């Protein structure tokens, strides 16, 4: 299993993607937790297909490229969940980072909050925690660039 992170608005961004396999995601996520860069907000509940009147036939039709109005409404309701962000984020929500590949939007405000938390640590503490993290500099560069491009999606 892996994760593909892509800028929400990739215009003029250089490489808009960042990739993790499960072995690469774990240490980065653990380091972000240790540094307080993740938050533990919960997303709104997922919409129910039955509440939207969907049947297995609707899902089968969507696989064939025939999307009903009910399916479009359901997908729209799902997008509200994946795009949700706290009014005042305190980091990147842990559920958006390294959990599922549901297309979570990590917003610029969430990224800025995480980066501010990182910057608040003394340099010696960052050095100790980041020892053995060879890709950390490029990861932070990706986060900084993502703030100017609408954040990124986790898929």
Foldseek 3Di string as FASTA:
>chain_A
DKKWKAFPFCPPLPGRIDIDDLVRQVLVLVLLVVLQQADADDFDDQDDLVVLVDDVVQVVVVVVVDHDPSNVVNVVSRVCRLADDDPQAQHFHPCQGNPDQSFRFGFLNRLVNSVVSNVPDDPVVCCVSCVPVVCVVVVNVSSVSSSVRGGITID
